[in-house]
Structures are given as structure tokens and as C-alpha cells.
Amino acid sequence: MLAILGLLTSVFSLLYVTAPSIRKFFAGGVCRTTVQVPGKVVVITGANTGIGKETARELARRGARVYIACRDVLKGESAASEIRADTKNSQVLVRKLDLSDTRSIRAFAEGFLAEEKQLHILINNAGVMMFSHSKTTDGFEINLGVNHLGHFLLTYLLLERLKESAPARVVNLSSVIHHLGKIHFHNFRGEEPYRWGFAYCHSKLANLLFTRELAKRIQGTGVTTYAVHPGIVRSELARHSFLCCLFWRLFSYFLKSVQEGAQTSLHCALAEGLEPLSGKYFSDCKRTWVSPRARDNKTAQRLWNVSCELLGIQWE
């Protein structure tokens, strides 16, 4: 017993001594560009909370006209009010967007295009991590429907405005968890329930494949696109899972803050000279490795075609 207590004491002592260094390691990279963006127009999905909110705050601080596109408009207005007060930028606006409903996506795009003649940065930030079997309004599996198909349709609807405003960028939030993902083309509507947690992994792989294929198709237009792993962040993403919430609480000291989690999104939205890296994947503000499945061009092309078919669009 004394030996065990001694071992535990040694372990906790080591953790106590090394904790600051471990925390610094997990904090990750920092967006170091000083680029200002006065007059630039930005749309960020899910920016009423978490990483998106901090991304919106920094872009507003740099002078952008920022649209917070979110489902909960009241929460969005609260976030916008806070950001306006913090940055002294009155051009932080809120518009309703429910990525689980294609009618809402189309309504948002229609309203935005009528309101704005330019769009310089689109950040597809919003996401869900659902562990129960559920579907979107249109009958798609909820993780894939929101995280991939919703943003796929939104990008399609806004792409011409991005081209007209070039140089412009599209930033898609993915995750390192994509390494566990696989595209199940027969199960986009979720007829067969996925094993616990894996639906989210599949959707994050879809984000990477979309970014890869989009980069090929918009080459030469002045619009570039990047995929981002924000890190393991203390955010509301895992609020639907008791186990994930417990993990978040136990290891919160070592997780990134939402401000730290926003750094790579900001890097890909702002950093100069990234154009040759369109279609690539970034983590901690630098290019990083993707899984073999995320580099599969045939799967990326097929995912593009199937997504268009499911959404009833033609996107060549």
C-alpha cells in the first residue's frame, strides 16, 4: 500500500511540475499575420458560440463586416452585441441559418445575396456531434446532413458572389477525428444506424474530401479553400454526450480555449501567400497530414456527385 501511495504521489508531483509545459503544448499555433480587413465581408456559420464566435470577434476587430449565421438568433444577437462592444465595430450582423434544413439554407443565401454585393471570406464553422440516431428536416443523417451537406449547399449558393469578390477564401472546419471516418454512400439517409460516435468521424472526412474537390473545381477563379483541424477545444460541440462532457471536465486544463481553437481558422482566412496550398489541411496554423481516405480523388469526386444528387443541384 505504501508503495502504491508513493507511486501515486510521484505521478501527481510530476504532473504538477510539467502541467504548464503540457498546457502550452496543447495550446497549439497562433495566427501571427497582422493583416487588416476593413471593408471585407465575412460569413461565419455557427458564430454565436465557441470557436466561431472568437473567429468573428477577431475578424471584426480587424475591420471586417461580419455575418453571424446561426440557428439560434437570440443567442446570435447576444454574441454580436458582445463583439460590437468589444471591438467597437458596429458591422457585426446576425442572420438565421439552420443547416439541418435546406429551405433555411436557401432562404439565408437568398437574403444575403440581396443584401450584399460582395463576399470575401466564407467560414463553414458550424457543426454538430450527435450520438443518438436522428435526421435533418430533409431526412439526412444529422451529422452528415449538417456538417457536410448543409455547408456543401451553402457554399454552392454563395460561390458566384465569392468569385465576383476575388481574391476570396472558403474555410471548412474538419477534425483530426477524420482518421476514423469512412464514406458510406449507401447510408446518407441513416437507414442503418452508425456505431456510437462514428457518424461524426464520417462527416469530418467528408469535409476534407469536399475541400479537396472544391479546390480542383475553382482553380483559377481567385477563390481558394482550406480545411482546418481546430484542436481539441473546450466548446459546446460535445454537449449531447455525457461521456464527452465528463472527459471535457476532467481534462479541461489541457484542452484548448475557444480563442486558441480559432487560431487556425483565422490563419487560413487571413494569412498571405496561402493560395498555392488551396485544398490542403491545416492544424496549429500549418499544413498537416491527412489520412489516405482523405486523399482519395475518386471518393472525393463521387462524394461531390452524390451530394449534388441528394441536394437536387447541378454543380460542375
C-alpha atoms as a PDB file:
ATOM      1  CA  MET A   1       0.000   0.000   0.000  1.00  0.00           C
ATOM      2  CA  LEU A   2       2.804   2.415   0.902  1.00  0.00           C
ATOM      3  CA  ALA A   3       4.472   1.624  -2.403  1.00  0.00           C
ATOM      4  CA  ILE A   4       1.272   2.450  -4.320  1.00  0.00           C
ATOM      5  CA  LEU A   5       0.809   5.697  -2.420  1.00  0.00           C
ATOM      6  CA  GLY A   6       4.402   6.586  -3.132  1.00  0.00           C
ATOM      7  CA  LEU A   7       3.918   5.896  -6.839  1.00  0.00           C
ATOM      8  CA  LEU A   8       0.742   7.997  -6.978  1.00  0.00           C
ATOM      9  CA  THR A   9       2.470  10.820  -5.138  1.00  0.00           C
ATOM     10  CA  SER A  10       5.315  10.725  -7.654  1.00  0.00           C
ATOM     11  CA  VAL A  11       2.895  10.741 -10.617  1.00  0.00           C
ATOM     12  CA  PHE A  12       0.893  13.691  -9.290  1.00  0.00           C
ATOM     13  CA  SER A  13       4.055  15.561  -8.434  1.00  0.00           C
ATOM     14  CA  LEU A  14       5.334  15.050 -11.965  1.00  0.00           C
ATOM     15  CA  LEU A  15       2.031  16.251 -13.412  1.00  0.00           C
ATOM     16  CA  TYR A  16       2.103  19.293 -11.164  1.00  0.00           C
ATOM     17  CA  VAL A  17       5.598  20.215 -12.308  1.00  0.00           C
ATOM     18  CA  THR A  18       5.061  19.527 -16.022  1.00  0.00           C
ATOM     19  CA  ALA A  19       1.437  20.753 -16.324  1.00  0.00           C
ATOM     20  CA  PRO A  20       2.336  24.272 -17.571  1.00  0.00           C
ATOM     21  CA  SER A  21       4.546  22.816 -20.313  1.00  0.00           C
ATOM     22  CA  ILE A  22       1.886  20.282 -21.320  1.00  0.00           C
ATOM     23  CA  ARG A  23      -0.743  23.023 -21.387  1.00  0.00           C
ATOM     24  CA  LYS A  24       1.484  25.199 -23.562  1.00  0.00           C
ATOM     25  CA  PHE A  25       1.977  22.294 -25.970  1.00  0.00           C
ATOM     26  CA  PHE A  26      -1.768  21.703 -26.349  1.00  0.00           C
ATOM     27  CA  ALA A  27      -2.429  25.421 -26.853  1.00  0.00           C
ATOM     28  CA  GLY A  28      -1.057  24.984 -30.362  1.00  0.00           C
ATOM     29  CA  GLY A  29      -0.189  27.531 -33.031  1.00  0.00           C
ATOM     30  CA  VAL A  30      -1.062  31.207 -33.159  1.00  0.00           C
ATOM     31  CA  CYS A  31      -2.234  33.226 -36.147  1.00  0.00           C
ATOM     32  CA  ARG A  32       0.575  35.756 -36.420  1.00  0.00           C
ATOM     33  CA  THR A  33      -0.488  37.696 -39.503  1.00  0.00           C
ATOM     34  CA  THR A  34      -1.193  41.374 -38.932  1.00  0.00           C
ATOM     35  CA  VAL A  35      -3.423  41.667 -41.995  1.00  0.00           C
ATOM     36  CA  GLN A  36      -6.342  44.065 -41.545  1.00  0.00           C
ATOM     37  CA  VAL A  37      -9.587  43.549 -43.470  1.00  0.00           C
ATOM     38  CA  PRO A  38     -11.579  46.815 -43.420  1.00  0.00           C
ATOM     39  CA  GLY A  39     -14.479  46.660 -45.855  1.00  0.00           C
ATOM     40  CA  LYS A  40     -14.198  42.904 -46.333  1.00  0.00           C
ATOM     41  CA  VAL A  41     -17.389  40.861 -45.954  1.00  0.00           C
ATOM     42  CA  VAL A  42     -17.300  37.633 -43.966  1.00  0.00           C
ATOM     43  CA  VAL A  43     -19.903  34.928 -43.315  1.00  0.00           C
ATOM     44  CA  ILE A  44     -19.275  32.538 -40.407  1.00  0.00           C
ATOM     45  CA  THR A  45     -21.704  29.725 -39.662  1.00  0.00           C
ATOM     46  CA  GLY A  46     -22.341  28.874 -36.032  1.00  0.00           C
ATOM     47  CA  ALA A  47     -20.591  32.019 -34.825  1.00  0.00           C
ATOM     48  CA  ASN A  48     -22.995  32.584 -31.947  1.00  0.00           C
ATOM     49  CA  THR A  49     -20.768  30.484 -29.687  1.00  0.00           C
ATOM     50  CA  GLY A  50     -17.419  28.731 -29.329  1.00  0.00           C
ATOM     51  CA  ILE A  51     -14.718  28.829 -31.991  1.00  0.00           C
ATOM     52  CA  GLY A  52     -16.950  30.635 -34.459  1.00  0.00           C
ATOM     53  CA  LYS A  53     -17.688  33.429 -32.015  1.00  0.00           C
ATOM     54  CA  GLU A  54     -13.994  34.006 -31.323  1.00  0.00           C
ATOM     55  CA  THR A  55     -13.247  33.920 -35.052  1.00  0.00           C
ATOM     56  CA  ALA A  56     -15.957  36.520 -35.615  1.00  0.00           C
ATOM     57  CA  ARG A  57     -14.576  38.661 -32.791  1.00  0.00           C
ATOM     58  CA  GLU A  58     -11.064  38.759 -34.259  1.00  0.00           C
ATOM     59  CA  LEU A  59     -12.229  39.452 -37.806  1.00  0.00           C
ATOM     60  CA  ALA A  60     -14.476  42.241 -36.522  1.00  0.00           C
ATOM     61  CA  ARG A  61     -11.507  43.625 -34.589  1.00  0.00           C
ATOM     62  CA  ARG A  62      -9.602  43.737 -37.891  1.00  0.00           C
ATOM     63  CA  GLY A  63     -12.369  45.746 -39.535  1.00  0.00           C
ATOM     64  CA  ALA A  64     -14.477  43.178 -41.387  1.00  0.00           C
ATOM     65  CA  ARG A  65     -18.215  43.306 -41.848  1.00  0.00           C
ATOM     66  CA  VAL A  66     -19.147  40.013 -40.188  1.00  0.00           C
ATOM     67  CA  TYR A  67     -22.325  37.982 -40.617  1.00  0.00           C
ATOM     68  CA  ILE A  68     -23.064  35.563 -37.802  1.00  0.00           C
ATOM     69  CA  ALA A  69     -25.145  32.848 -39.492  1.00  0.00           C
ATOM     70  CA  CYS A  70     -26.787  30.679 -36.857  1.00  0.00           C
ATOM     71  CA  ARG A  71     -29.919  28.798 -35.890  1.00  0.00           C
ATOM     72  CA  ASP A  72     -30.431  30.492 -32.511  1.00  0.00           C
ATOM     73  CA  VAL A  73     -30.912  34.140 -33.466  1.00  0.00           C
ATOM     74  CA  LEU A  74     -31.326  35.338 -29.868  1.00  0.00           C
ATOM     75  CA  LYS A  75     -28.015  33.772 -28.898  1.00  0.00           C
ATOM     76  CA  GLY A  76     -26.531  35.204 -32.060  1.00  0.00           C
ATOM     77  CA  GLU A  77     -27.713  38.722 -31.187  1.00  0.00           C
ATOM     78  CA  SER A  78     -26.213  38.370 -27.728  1.00  0.00           C
ATOM     79  CA  ALA A  79     -22.872  37.319 -29.234  1.00  0.00           C
ATOM     80  CA  ALA A  80     -22.991  40.122 -31.804  1.00  0.00           C
ATOM     81  CA  SER A  81     -23.735  42.718 -29.145  1.00  0.00           C
ATOM     82  CA  GLU A  82     -20.772  41.497 -27.098  1.00  0.00           C
ATOM     83  CA  ILE A  83     -18.463  41.551 -30.127  1.00  0.00           C
ATOM     84  CA  ARG A  84     -19.603  45.032 -31.198  1.00  0.00           C
ATOM     85  CA  ALA A  85     -18.917  46.371 -27.719  1.00  0.00           C
ATOM     86  CA  ASP A  86     -15.537  44.629 -27.516  1.00  0.00           C
ATOM     87  CA  THR A  87     -14.251  45.616 -30.964  1.00  0.00           C
ATOM     88  CA  LYS A  88     -16.038  48.939 -31.468  1.00  0.00           C
ATOM     89  CA  ASN A  89     -17.118  47.578 -34.851  1.00  0.00           C
ATOM     90  CA  SER A  90     -20.834  48.101 -35.454  1.00  0.00           C
ATOM     91  CA  GLN A  91     -20.762  45.930 -38.582  1.00  0.00           C
ATOM     92  CA  VAL A  92     -21.477  42.617 -36.858  1.00  0.00           C
ATOM     93  CA  LEU A  93     -24.788  41.262 -38.091  1.00  0.00           C
ATOM     94  CA  VAL A  94     -26.915  38.213 -37.334  1.00  0.00           C
ATOM     95  CA  ARG A  95     -28.946  36.207 -39.807  1.00  0.00           C
ATOM     96  CA  LYS A  96     -30.867  32.984 -39.266  1.00  0.00           C
ATOM     97  CA  LEU A  97     -29.384  29.820 -40.755  1.00  0.00           C
ATOM     98  CA  ASP A  98     -30.416  26.283 -39.861  1.00  0.00           C
ATOM     99  CA  LEU A  99     -28.018  23.898 -41.586  1.00  0.00           C
ATOM    100  CA  SER A 100     -30.312  20.952 -40.862  1.00  0.00           C
ATOM    101  CA  ASP A 101     -32.965  22.419 -43.190  1.00  0.00           C
ATOM    102  CA  THR A 102     -32.190  23.100 -46.864  1.00  0.00           C
ATOM    103  CA  ARG A 103     -35.070  25.593 -47.050  1.00  0.00           C
ATOM    104  CA  SER A 104     -33.408  27.660 -44.328  1.00  0.00           C
ATOM    105  CA  ILE A 105     -30.063  27.476 -46.141  1.00  0.00           C
ATOM    106  CA  ARG A 106     -31.635  28.698 -49.368  1.00  0.00           C
ATOM    107  CA  ALA A 107     -33.509  31.461 -47.550  1.00  0.00           C
ATOM    108  CA  PHE A 108     -30.313  32.643 -45.870  1.00  0.00           C
ATOM    109  CA  ALA A 109     -28.409  32.676 -49.167  1.00  0.00           C
ATOM    110  CA  GLU A 110     -31.211  34.498 -50.966  1.00  0.00           C
ATOM    111  CA  GLY A 111     -31.370  37.174 -48.272  1.00  0.00           C
ATOM    112  CA  PHE A 112     -27.603  37.582 -48.084  1.00  0.00           C
ATOM    113  CA  LEU A 113     -27.176  37.896 -51.851  1.00  0.00           C
ATOM    114  CA  ALA A 114     -29.897  40.549 -51.950  1.00  0.00           C
ATOM    115  CA  GLU A 115     -28.218  42.440 -49.110  1.00  0.00           C
ATOM    116  CA  GLU A 116     -24.525  42.171 -50.025  1.00  0.00           C
ATOM    117  CA  LYS A 117     -22.745  42.672 -53.327  1.00  0.00           C
ATOM    118  CA  GLN A 118     -19.503  41.145 -52.075  1.00  0.00           C
ATOM    119  CA  LEU A 119     -18.302  38.155 -50.054  1.00  0.00           C
ATOM    120  CA  HIS A 120     -14.611  37.728 -49.353  1.00  0.00           C
ATOM    121  CA  ILE A 121     -14.462  35.010 -46.689  1.00  0.00           C
ATOM    122  CA  LEU A 122     -16.850  32.126 -46.004  1.00  0.00           C
ATOM    123  CA  ILE A 123     -16.037  30.105 -42.891  1.00  0.00           C
ATOM    124  CA  ASN A 124     -18.041  26.889 -42.641  1.00  0.00           C
ATOM    125  CA  ASN A 125     -17.582  26.600 -38.902  1.00  0.00           C
ATOM    126  CA  ALA A 126     -20.844  25.218 -37.504  1.00  0.00           C
ATOM    127  CA  GLY A 127     -21.099  21.573 -36.578  1.00  0.00           C
ATOM    128  CA  VAL A 128     -22.981  19.001 -34.562  1.00  0.00           C
ATOM    129  CA  MET A 129     -21.743  15.916 -32.764  1.00  0.00           C
ATOM    130  CA  MET A 130     -24.808  13.774 -32.218  1.00  0.00           C
ATOM    131  CA  PHE A 131     -24.581  10.290 -30.757  1.00  0.00           C
ATOM    132  CA  SER A 132     -28.267   9.417 -30.947  1.00  0.00           C
ATOM    133  CA  HIS A 133     -29.775   8.340 -34.244  1.00  0.00           C
ATOM    134  CA  SER A 134     -31.540  11.359 -35.720  1.00  0.00           C
ATOM    135  CA  LYS A 135     -32.124  13.053 -39.072  1.00  0.00           C
ATOM    136  CA  THR A 136     -32.299  16.503 -40.609  1.00  0.00           C
ATOM    137  CA  THR A 137     -35.519  18.088 -41.846  1.00  0.00           C
ATOM    138  CA  ASP A 138     -34.735  16.677 -45.291  1.00  0.00           C
ATOM    139  CA  GLY A 139     -34.157  13.166 -43.980  1.00  0.00           C
ATOM    140  CA  PHE A 140     -30.363  13.029 -43.979  1.00  0.00           C
ATOM    141  CA  GLU A 141     -28.359  11.517 -41.124  1.00  0.00           C
ATOM    142  CA  ILE A 142     -27.882  14.502 -38.797  1.00  0.00           C
ATOM    143  CA  ASN A 143     -24.066  14.617 -38.577  1.00  0.00           C
ATOM    144  CA  LEU A 144     -23.507  14.247 -42.304  1.00  0.00           C
ATOM    145  CA  GLY A 145     -26.524  16.397 -43.129  1.00  0.00           C
ATOM    146  CA  VAL A 146     -25.416  19.388 -41.065  1.00  0.00           C
ATOM    147  CA  ASN A 147     -21.627  19.135 -41.118  1.00  0.00           C
ATOM    148  CA  HIS A 148     -21.231  18.242 -44.791  1.00  0.00           C
ATOM    149  CA  LEU A 149     -24.386  18.580 -46.891  1.00  0.00           C
ATOM    150  CA  GLY A 150     -25.540  21.811 -45.250  1.00  0.00           C
ATOM    151  CA  HIS A 151     -22.217  23.533 -45.865  1.00  0.00           C
ATOM    152  CA  PHE A 152     -21.919  21.987 -49.324  1.00  0.00           C
ATOM    153  CA  LEU A 153     -25.224  23.597 -50.330  1.00  0.00           C
ATOM    154  CA  LEU A 154     -24.370  26.921 -48.671  1.00  0.00           C
ATOM    155  CA  THR A 155     -21.027  27.118 -50.493  1.00  0.00           C
ATOM    156  CA  TYR A 156     -22.732  26.282 -53.791  1.00  0.00           C
ATOM    157  CA  LEU A 157     -25.260  29.078 -53.310  1.00  0.00           C
ATOM    158  CA  LEU A 158     -22.628  31.678 -52.375  1.00  0.00           C
ATOM    159  CA  LEU A 159     -19.788  30.678 -54.690  1.00  0.00           C
ATOM    160  CA  GLU A 160     -20.577  33.086 -57.538  1.00  0.00           C
ATOM    161  CA  ARG A 161     -20.514  36.009 -55.111  1.00  0.00           C
ATOM    162  CA  LEU A 162     -17.152  34.781 -53.816  1.00  0.00           C
ATOM    163  CA  LYS A 163     -15.817  34.634 -57.379  1.00  0.00           C
ATOM    164  CA  GLU A 164     -17.076  38.163 -58.077  1.00  0.00           C
ATOM    165  CA  SER A 165     -15.251  39.361 -54.930  1.00  0.00           C
ATOM    166  CA  ALA A 166     -11.968  37.527 -55.574  1.00  0.00           C
ATOM    167  CA  PRO A 167      -9.497  37.105 -54.072  1.00  0.00           C
ATOM    168  CA  ALA A 168     -11.735  35.199 -51.683  1.00  0.00           C
ATOM    169  CA  ARG A 169     -11.480  32.172 -49.400  1.00  0.00           C
ATOM    170  CA  VAL A 170     -13.594  29.293 -48.124  1.00  0.00           C
ATOM    171  CA  VAL A 171     -12.507  27.731 -44.829  1.00  0.00           C
ATOM    172  CA  ASN A 172     -14.028  24.375 -43.824  1.00  0.00           C
ATOM    173  CA  LEU A 173     -13.675  23.105 -40.268  1.00  0.00           C
ATOM    174  CA  SER A 174     -12.821  19.415 -40.158  1.00  0.00           C
ATOM    175  CA  SER A 175     -11.097  17.428 -37.398  1.00  0.00           C
ATOM    176  CA  VAL A 176      -8.255  15.027 -36.717  1.00  0.00           C
ATOM    177  CA  ILE A 177     -11.046  12.535 -35.955  1.00  0.00           C
ATOM    178  CA  HIS A 178     -11.478  12.185 -39.731  1.00  0.00           C
ATOM    179  CA  HIS A 179      -8.835   9.441 -39.492  1.00  0.00           C
ATOM    180  CA  LEU A 180     -11.594   7.199 -38.108  1.00  0.00           C
ATOM    181  CA  GLY A 181     -14.066   8.163 -40.808  1.00  0.00           C
ATOM    182  CA  LYS A 182     -15.339   6.401 -43.897  1.00  0.00           C
ATOM    183  CA  ILE A 183     -17.872   7.486 -46.512  1.00  0.00           C
ATOM    184  CA  HIS A 184     -20.886   5.146 -46.516  1.00  0.00           C
ATOM    185  CA  PHE A 185     -22.561   6.148 -49.774  1.00  0.00           C
ATOM    186  CA  HIS A 186     -25.476   3.783 -49.212  1.00  0.00           C
ATOM    187  CA  ASN A 187     -26.348   5.302 -45.848  1.00  0.00           C
ATOM    188  CA  PHE A 188     -26.536   9.079 -46.236  1.00  0.00           C
ATOM    189  CA  ARG A 189     -30.118   8.987 -45.005  1.00  0.00           C
ATOM    190  CA  GLY A 190     -29.143   6.987 -41.951  1.00  0.00           C
ATOM    191  CA  GLU A 191     -31.311   3.937 -42.591  1.00  0.00           C
ATOM    192  CA  GLU A 192     -28.637   1.899 -40.839  1.00  0.00           C
ATOM    193  CA  PRO A 193     -27.614   3.478 -37.500  1.00  0.00           C
ATOM    194  CA  TYR A 194     -23.885   4.122 -37.208  1.00  0.00           C
ATOM    195  CA  ARG A 195     -21.912   2.782 -34.299  1.00  0.00           C
ATOM    196  CA  TRP A 196     -21.519   5.173 -31.382  1.00  0.00           C
ATOM    197  CA  GLY A 197     -19.706   8.326 -32.367  1.00  0.00           C
ATOM    198  CA  PHE A 198     -18.586   7.263 -35.833  1.00  0.00           C
ATOM    199  CA  ALA A 199     -21.140   9.338 -37.752  1.00  0.00           C
ATOM    200  CA  TYR A 200     -19.286  12.476 -36.650  1.00  0.00           C
ATOM    201  CA  CYS A 201     -15.986  10.985 -37.873  1.00  0.00           C
ATOM    202  CA  HIS A 202     -17.530  10.236 -41.269  1.00  0.00           C
ATOM    203  CA  SER A 203     -18.808  13.810 -41.591  1.00  0.00           C
ATOM    204  CA  LYS A 204     -15.370  15.261 -40.809  1.00  0.00           C
ATOM    205  CA  LEU A 205     -13.831  13.086 -43.522  1.00  0.00           C
ATOM    206  CA  ALA A 206     -16.497  14.429 -45.885  1.00  0.00           C
ATOM    207  CA  ASN A 207     -15.400  17.990 -45.031  1.00  0.00           C
ATOM    208  CA  LEU A 208     -11.852  17.165 -46.135  1.00  0.00           C
ATOM    209  CA  LEU A 209     -12.926  15.441 -49.338  1.00  0.00           C
ATOM    210  CA  PHE A 210     -15.196  18.391 -50.173  1.00  0.00           C
ATOM    211  CA  THR A 211     -12.323  20.824 -49.648  1.00  0.00           C
ATOM    212  CA  ARG A 212     -10.051  18.734 -51.857  1.00  0.00           C
ATOM    213  CA  GLU A 213     -12.544  18.514 -54.718  1.00  0.00           C
ATOM    214  CA  LEU A 214     -13.673  22.133 -54.395  1.00  0.00           C
ATOM    215  CA  ALA A 215     -10.087  23.333 -54.740  1.00  0.00           C
ATOM    216  CA  LYS A 216      -9.761  21.473 -58.047  1.00  0.00           C
ATOM    217  CA  ARG A 217     -13.008  22.846 -59.427  1.00  0.00           C
ATOM    218  CA  ILE A 218     -12.400  26.511 -58.519  1.00  0.00           C
ATOM    219  CA  GLN A 219      -8.760  26.615 -59.556  1.00  0.00           C
ATOM    220  CA  GLY A 220      -8.018  29.835 -61.439  1.00  0.00           C
ATOM    221  CA  THR A 221     -11.117  31.684 -60.207  1.00  0.00           C
ATOM    222  CA  GLY A 222      -9.348  33.652 -57.481  1.00  0.00           C
ATOM    223  CA  VAL A 223     -11.180  31.692 -54.786  1.00  0.00           C
ATOM    224  CA  THR A 224      -9.184  29.275 -52.637  1.00  0.00           C
ATOM    225  CA  THR A 225     -10.245  26.839 -49.947  1.00  0.00           C
ATOM    226  CA  TYR A 226      -8.696  25.221 -46.877  1.00  0.00           C
ATOM    227  CA  ALA A 227      -9.659  22.594 -44.308  1.00  0.00           C
ATOM    228  CA  VAL A 228      -8.907  23.103 -40.632  1.00  0.00           C
ATOM    229  CA  HIS A 229      -8.460  20.994 -37.520  1.00  0.00           C
ATOM    230  CA  PRO A 230      -9.011  23.487 -34.680  1.00  0.00           C
ATOM    231  CA  GLY A 231      -7.643  21.167 -31.999  1.00  0.00           C
ATOM    232  CA  ILE A 232      -9.407  19.611 -29.028  1.00  0.00           C
ATOM    233  CA  VAL A 233     -11.298  22.602 -27.710  1.00  0.00           C
ATOM    234  CA  ARG A 234     -13.401  23.354 -24.642  1.00  0.00           C
ATOM    235  CA  SER A 235     -16.562  24.168 -26.582  1.00  0.00           C
ATOM    236  CA  GLU A 236     -20.236  23.222 -26.638  1.00  0.00           C
ATOM    237  CA  LEU A 237     -19.781  20.750 -29.504  1.00  0.00           C
ATOM    238  CA  ALA A 238     -19.905  17.673 -27.255  1.00  0.00           C
ATOM    239  CA  ARG A 239     -22.851  18.861 -25.151  1.00  0.00           C
ATOM    240  CA  HIS A 240     -25.061  15.988 -26.364  1.00  0.00           C
ATOM    241  CA  SER A 241     -22.750  13.309 -24.938  1.00  0.00           C
ATOM    242  CA  PHE A 242     -22.456  12.728 -21.187  1.00  0.00           C
ATOM    243  CA  LEU A 243     -19.153  10.859 -21.600  1.00  0.00           C
ATOM    244  CA  CYS A 244     -17.615  13.597 -23.739  1.00  0.00           C
ATOM    245  CA  CYS A 245     -18.782  16.281 -21.322  1.00  0.00           C
ATOM    246  CA  LEU A 246     -17.211  14.287 -18.478  1.00  0.00           C
ATOM    247  CA  PHE A 247     -13.957  13.995 -20.429  1.00  0.00           C
ATOM    248  CA  TRP A 248     -14.047  17.740 -21.152  1.00  0.00           C
ATOM    249  CA  ARG A 249     -14.402  18.470 -17.435  1.00  0.00           C
ATOM    250  CA  LEU A 250     -11.697  16.047 -16.295  1.00  0.00           C
ATOM    251  CA  PHE A 251      -9.119  17.250 -18.801  1.00  0.00           C
ATOM    252  CA  SER A 252     -10.302  20.830 -19.330  1.00  0.00           C
ATOM    253  CA  TYR A 253      -6.959  22.253 -18.212  1.00  0.00           C
ATOM    254  CA  PHE A 254      -5.213  20.565 -21.132  1.00  0.00           C
ATOM    255  CA  LEU A 255      -7.816  21.425 -23.780  1.00  0.00           C
ATOM    256  CA  LYS A 256      -7.623  24.484 -25.979  1.00  0.00           C
ATOM    257  CA  SER A 257      -9.720  27.513 -25.137  1.00  0.00           C
ATOM    258  CA  VAL A 258     -12.113  28.664 -27.863  1.00  0.00           C
ATOM    259  CA  GLN A 259      -9.763  31.557 -28.579  1.00  0.00           C
ATOM    260  CA  GLU A 260      -6.881  29.126 -29.115  1.00  0.00           C
ATOM    261  CA  GLY A 261      -9.161  26.912 -31.204  1.00  0.00           C
ATOM    262  CA  ALA A 262      -9.945  29.821 -33.537  1.00  0.00           C
ATOM    263  CA  GLN A 263      -6.319  30.452 -34.479  1.00  0.00           C
ATOM    264  CA  THR A 264      -6.051  28.077 -37.438  1.00  0.00           C
ATOM    265  CA  SER A 265      -9.360  29.265 -38.901  1.00  0.00           C
ATOM    266  CA  LEU A 266      -8.022  32.819 -38.687  1.00  0.00           C
ATOM    267  CA  HIS A 267      -4.707  31.760 -40.222  1.00  0.00           C
ATOM    268  CA  CYS A 268      -6.433  30.188 -43.234  1.00  0.00           C
ATOM    269  CA  ALA A 269      -8.773  33.151 -43.611  1.00  0.00           C
ATOM    270  CA  LEU A 270      -6.097  35.848 -43.363  1.00  0.00           C
ATOM    271  CA  ALA A 271      -2.518  34.673 -43.892  1.00  0.00           C
ATOM    272  CA  GLU A 272      -0.804  35.930 -47.009  1.00  0.00           C
ATOM    273  CA  GLY A 273       0.681  33.535 -49.551  1.00  0.00           C
ATOM    274  CA  LEU A 274      -1.585  30.529 -48.897  1.00  0.00           C
ATOM    275  CA  GLU A 275      -3.022  30.422 -52.414  1.00  0.00           C
ATOM    276  CA  PRO A 276      -0.697  27.608 -53.647  1.00  0.00           C
ATOM    277  CA  LEU A 277      -1.961  25.457 -50.764  1.00  0.00           C
ATOM    278  CA  SER A 278      -5.634  25.586 -51.748  1.00  0.00           C
ATOM    279  CA  GLY A 279      -7.354  22.311 -50.903  1.00  0.00           C
ATOM    280  CA  LYS A 280      -4.892  21.444 -48.122  1.00  0.00           C
ATOM    281  CA  TYR A 281      -5.461  20.630 -44.467  1.00  0.00           C
ATOM    282  CA  PHE A 282      -4.143  22.786 -41.619  1.00  0.00           C
ATOM    283  CA  SER A 283      -3.649  22.297 -37.891  1.00  0.00           C
ATOM    284  CA  ASP A 284      -1.953  24.686 -35.454  1.00  0.00           C
ATOM    285  CA  CYS A 285      -1.577  27.244 -38.254  1.00  0.00           C
ATOM    286  CA  LYS A 286       0.462  24.997 -40.522  1.00  0.00           C
ATOM    287  CA  ARG A 287      -0.196  22.377 -43.157  1.00  0.00           C
ATOM    288  CA  THR A 288      -0.538  18.887 -41.748  1.00  0.00           C
ATOM    289  CA  TRP A 289      -1.006  15.272 -42.788  1.00  0.00           C
ATOM    290  CA  VAL A 290      -4.352  13.746 -43.779  1.00  0.00           C
ATOM    291  CA  SER A 291      -5.460  10.134 -43.852  1.00  0.00           C
ATOM    292  CA  PRO A 292      -5.207   8.090 -47.066  1.00  0.00           C
ATOM    293  CA  ARG A 293      -9.025   8.156 -47.350  1.00  0.00           C
ATOM    294  CA  ALA A 294      -8.948  11.950 -47.309  1.00  0.00           C
ATOM    295  CA  ARG A 295      -6.548  11.898 -50.282  1.00  0.00           C
ATOM    296  CA  ASP A 296      -8.700   9.595 -52.423  1.00  0.00           C
ATOM    297  CA  ASN A 297      -9.641  11.592 -55.531  1.00  0.00           C
ATOM    298  CA  LYS A 298     -12.180   9.049 -56.764  1.00  0.00           C
ATOM    299  CA  THR A 299     -14.025   9.117 -53.449  1.00  0.00           C
ATOM    300  CA  ALA A 300     -13.922  12.923 -53.441  1.00  0.00           C
ATOM    301  CA  GLN A 301     -15.432  13.062 -56.928  1.00  0.00           C
ATOM    302  CA  ARG A 302     -18.094  10.519 -56.070  1.00  0.00           C
ATOM    303  CA  LEU A 303     -18.961  12.355 -52.845  1.00  0.00           C
ATOM    304  CA  TRP A 304     -19.360  15.561 -54.853  1.00  0.00           C
ATOM    305  CA  ASN A 305     -21.696  13.906 -57.357  1.00  0.00           C
ATOM    306  CA  VAL A 306     -23.762  12.116 -54.723  1.00  0.00           C
ATOM    307  CA  SER A 307     -24.063  15.308 -52.665  1.00  0.00           C
ATOM    308  CA  CYS A 308     -25.345  17.200 -55.711  1.00  0.00           C
ATOM    309  CA  GLU A 309     -27.846  14.442 -56.413  1.00  0.00           C
ATOM    310  CA  LEU A 310     -29.139  14.385 -52.852  1.00  0.00           C
ATOM    311  CA  LEU A 311     -29.491  18.170 -52.767  1.00  0.00           C
ATOM    312  CA  GLY A 312     -31.031  18.432 -56.232  1.00  0.00           C
ATOM    313  CA  ILE A 313     -28.367  20.752 -57.646  1.00  0.00           C
ATOM    314  CA  GLN A 314     -26.067  20.770 -60.667  1.00  0.00           C
ATOM    315  CA  TRP A 315     -22.570  21.949 -59.762  1.00  0.00           C
ATOM    316  CA  GLU A 316     -19.984  21.392 -62.468  1.00  0.00           C
END
